[in-house]
Protein backbone atom coordinates (compact mmCIF):
# COMPACT_ATOMS: atom_id res chain seq x y z
CA MET A 1 16.50 -3.71 3.56
CA LEU A 2 18.03 -6.50 1.54
CA PHE A 3 14.79 -6.68 -0.41
CA ARG A 4 16.10 -3.76 -2.47
CA SER A 5 18.87 -5.89 -4.00
CA VAL A 6 16.33 -8.57 -4.90
CA LEU A 7 14.04 -5.96 -6.48
CA GLN A 8 16.92 -4.45 -8.46
CA ALA A 9 18.06 -7.85 -9.75
CA ALA A 10 14.61 -9.23 -10.59
CA GLU A 11 12.65 -6.21 -11.86
CA PRO A 12 14.65 -5.73 -15.08
CA LEU A 13 13.95 -9.38 -15.89
CA VAL A 14 10.18 -9.17 -15.34
CA GLY A 15 9.82 -5.65 -16.75
CA ARG A 16 7.61 -4.25 -13.99
CA LYS A 17 7.60 -3.24 -10.35
CA LEU A 18 7.48 -6.00 -7.79
CA ARG A 19 5.73 -5.70 -4.41
CA LEU A 20 6.81 -6.45 -0.88
CA LYS A 21 4.78 -8.41 1.60
CA TRP A 22 5.59 -7.91 5.26
CA PRO A 23 8.08 -8.84 6.51
CA ASN A 24 10.34 -10.52 3.96
CA ASP A 25 8.62 -11.62 0.75
CA VAL A 26 8.86 -10.28 -2.80
CA PHE A 27 5.72 -10.73 -4.89
CA CYS A 28 5.01 -10.64 -8.61
CA ASP A 29 1.42 -10.62 -9.86
CA GLY A 30 0.13 -11.52 -6.39
CA ARG A 31 2.39 -14.56 -5.98
CA LYS A 32 5.56 -15.08 -3.98
CA LEU A 33 8.68 -14.87 -6.13
CA ALA A 34 11.38 -14.50 -3.48
CA GLY A 35 12.08 -14.28 0.22
CA VAL A 36 14.79 -12.73 2.38
CA LEU A 37 15.72 -13.93 5.86
CA ILE A 38 18.23 -12.42 8.27
CA ASP A 39 19.33 -14.13 11.48
CA GLY A 40 21.57 -12.49 14.06
CA ASP A 41 23.56 -14.04 16.88
CA GLY A 42 23.25 -11.02 19.19
CA ASN A 43 26.92 -10.13 18.73
CA GLY A 44 26.61 -8.14 15.53
CA ASN A 45 27.03 -11.17 13.26
CA TYR A 46 24.29 -11.92 10.77
CA SER A 47 23.45 -14.70 8.36
CA ILE A 48 21.53 -13.66 5.27
CA GLY A 49 19.42 -16.02 3.22
CA ILE A 50 17.87 -15.04 -0.10
CA GLY A 51 15.69 -17.40 -2.08
CA ILE A 52 14.48 -16.55 -5.57
CA ASN A 53 12.29 -18.96 -7.48
CA LEU A 54 14.27 -18.94 -10.68
CA ASN A 55 13.63 -21.72 -13.18
CA ARG A 56 10.93 -23.72 -11.47
CA THR A 57 7.96 -24.29 -13.76
CA ARG A 58 5.76 -26.36 -11.45
CA PHE A 59 4.86 -26.10 -7.78
CA PRO A 60 3.09 -28.52 -5.47
CA ARG A 61 -0.69 -28.19 -5.73
CA GLU A 62 -0.93 -26.32 -2.41
CA LEU A 63 1.53 -23.65 -3.66
CA GLU A 64 0.33 -23.23 -7.28
CA ALA A 65 -1.95 -20.30 -6.49
CA ILE A 66 0.51 -18.48 -4.22
CA ALA A 67 4.00 -19.06 -5.72
CA THR A 68 5.68 -18.15 -9.00
CA SER A 69 9.12 -18.08 -10.57
CA LEU A 70 11.04 -15.91 -12.99
CA ALA A 71 10.69 -18.68 -15.59
CA LEU A 72 6.90 -18.72 -15.23
CA VAL A 73 6.60 -14.94 -15.28
CA CYS A 74 8.98 -14.42 -18.21
CA GLY A 75 8.41 -17.59 -20.21
CA ARG A 76 12.09 -18.53 -20.35
CA THR A 77 14.84 -19.96 -18.17
CA PHE A 78 17.69 -18.02 -16.62
CA HIS A 79 21.36 -18.65 -15.96
CA ARG A 80 21.64 -19.10 -12.20
CA ALA A 81 25.25 -17.88 -11.94
CA ALA A 82 24.49 -14.66 -13.83
CA LEU A 83 21.62 -13.79 -11.50
CA LEU A 84 23.71 -14.70 -8.44
CA LEU A 85 26.56 -12.43 -9.55
CA ASP A 86 24.17 -9.55 -10.28
CA LEU A 87 22.48 -10.01 -6.90
CA ALA A 88 25.82 -10.19 -5.04
CA GLN A 89 27.01 -6.96 -6.66
CA ARG A 90 23.77 -5.20 -5.77
CA LEU A 91 23.98 -6.49 -2.19
CA GLU A 92 27.51 -5.14 -1.83
CA THR A 93 26.46 -1.73 -3.14
CA MET A 94 23.44 -1.65 -0.83
CA LEU A 95 25.45 -2.72 2.24
CA GLN A 96 28.01 0.01 1.56
CA ALA A 97 25.20 2.58 1.33
CA LEU A 98 23.79 1.32 4.63
CA ALA A 99 27.21 1.62 6.26
CA ARG A 100 27.31 5.26 5.12
CA GLY A 101 23.85 5.83 6.63
CA GLU A 102 22.17 6.46 3.28
CA LEU A 103 18.68 5.30 4.18
CA GLY A 104 16.45 7.85 2.43
CA ALA A 105 15.84 6.11 -0.90
CA LEU A 106 15.76 2.70 0.76
CA SER A 107 13.13 3.80 3.26
CA GLU A 108 11.04 5.39 0.51
CA GLN A 109 11.17 2.26 -1.66
CA PHE A 110 10.29 0.08 1.35
CA ARG A 111 7.24 2.23 2.12
CA ASP A 112 6.07 2.42 -1.47
CA ARG A 113 6.48 -1.27 -2.28
CA LEU A 114 4.65 -2.40 0.85
CA GLY A 115 1.64 -0.46 -0.36
CA LEU A 116 0.25 -0.11 3.16
CA LEU A 117 -0.02 3.68 3.60
CA GLY A 118 -3.63 4.48 4.38
CA ALA A 119 -4.49 0.80 4.76
CA SER A 120 -6.58 -0.52 7.62
CA VAL A 121 -4.40 -3.18 9.28
CA CYS A 122 -3.92 -5.44 12.25
CA ILE A 123 -0.37 -5.27 13.60
CA ARG A 124 0.92 -8.02 15.87
CA ALA A 125 3.67 -6.71 18.16
CA GLY A 126 3.41 -8.56 21.46
CA GLN A 127 -0.27 -7.69 21.32
CA ASP A 128 -2.59 -6.76 18.47
CA TYR A 129 -2.97 -3.16 17.31
CA GLU A 130 -5.64 -2.16 14.80
CA GLY A 131 -5.78 1.02 12.82
CA VAL A 132 -4.89 2.83 9.64
CA ILE A 133 -1.21 3.25 8.73
CA GLU A 134 -0.30 6.92 8.63
CA SER A 135 3.42 6.39 8.03
CA ILE A 136 5.97 3.59 7.87
CA ASP A 137 9.72 3.63 7.43
CA LEU A 138 12.66 1.40 8.28
CA GLU A 139 12.35 2.19 11.99
CA ARG A 140 8.68 2.52 12.91
CA VAL A 141 5.07 2.34 11.89
CA ARG A 142 2.60 5.03 12.98
CA LEU A 143 -1.16 4.63 12.99
CA THR A 144 -3.57 7.53 12.46
CA ASP A 145 -4.70 7.30 16.10
CA GLY A 146 -1.15 8.21 17.21
CA GLN A 147 0.09 4.75 18.13
CA CYS A 148 3.72 4.37 17.10
CA LEU A 149 5.48 1.00 17.09
CA PRO A 150 9.15 0.27 16.46
CA LEU A 151 9.49 -2.13 13.52
CA GLY A 152 11.87 -4.25 15.57
CA ILE A 153 8.96 -5.58 17.63
CA VAL A 154 6.46 -5.98 14.78
CA GLN A 155 5.78 -9.64 14.05
CA SER A 156 3.16 -9.19 11.36
CA ILE A 157 1.12 -6.59 9.52
CA ALA A 158 -2.07 -7.84 7.91
CA PRO A 159 -4.75 -5.88 6.04
CA ARG A 160 -8.14 -5.86 7.75
């Protein structure tokens, strides 16, 4: 869900829609631009980590084809503090909306940016499930054969 704040902060800078890659990556032009990690302690406390490749202009050879940065995409450098402040404000707004239970737009954006509706996939969730995604939201993924899996147990979703 925190991906939305990253999308809102980064998209105006790149001037186009960014994509999500299950479960926590933000992609631009087929390359990883950012990642979001959430770790919970089981007592309702969470640590949130957000990494955005900002001003990096070179990557190690093994990452060149799969990683990018805002500087590479936009052809200029960015002020780190300005992006951090913008992101923090967007996170606060999003967390308040979550606390109010306002999940509709967030769920819709999640589904649309994953781009997996109608896709033939392999889902790893304790075991492997194969099929075509009929629906996906912030709680579950449903395949056209009727299988329905809670997202909380899904480890990976990969196109077939």
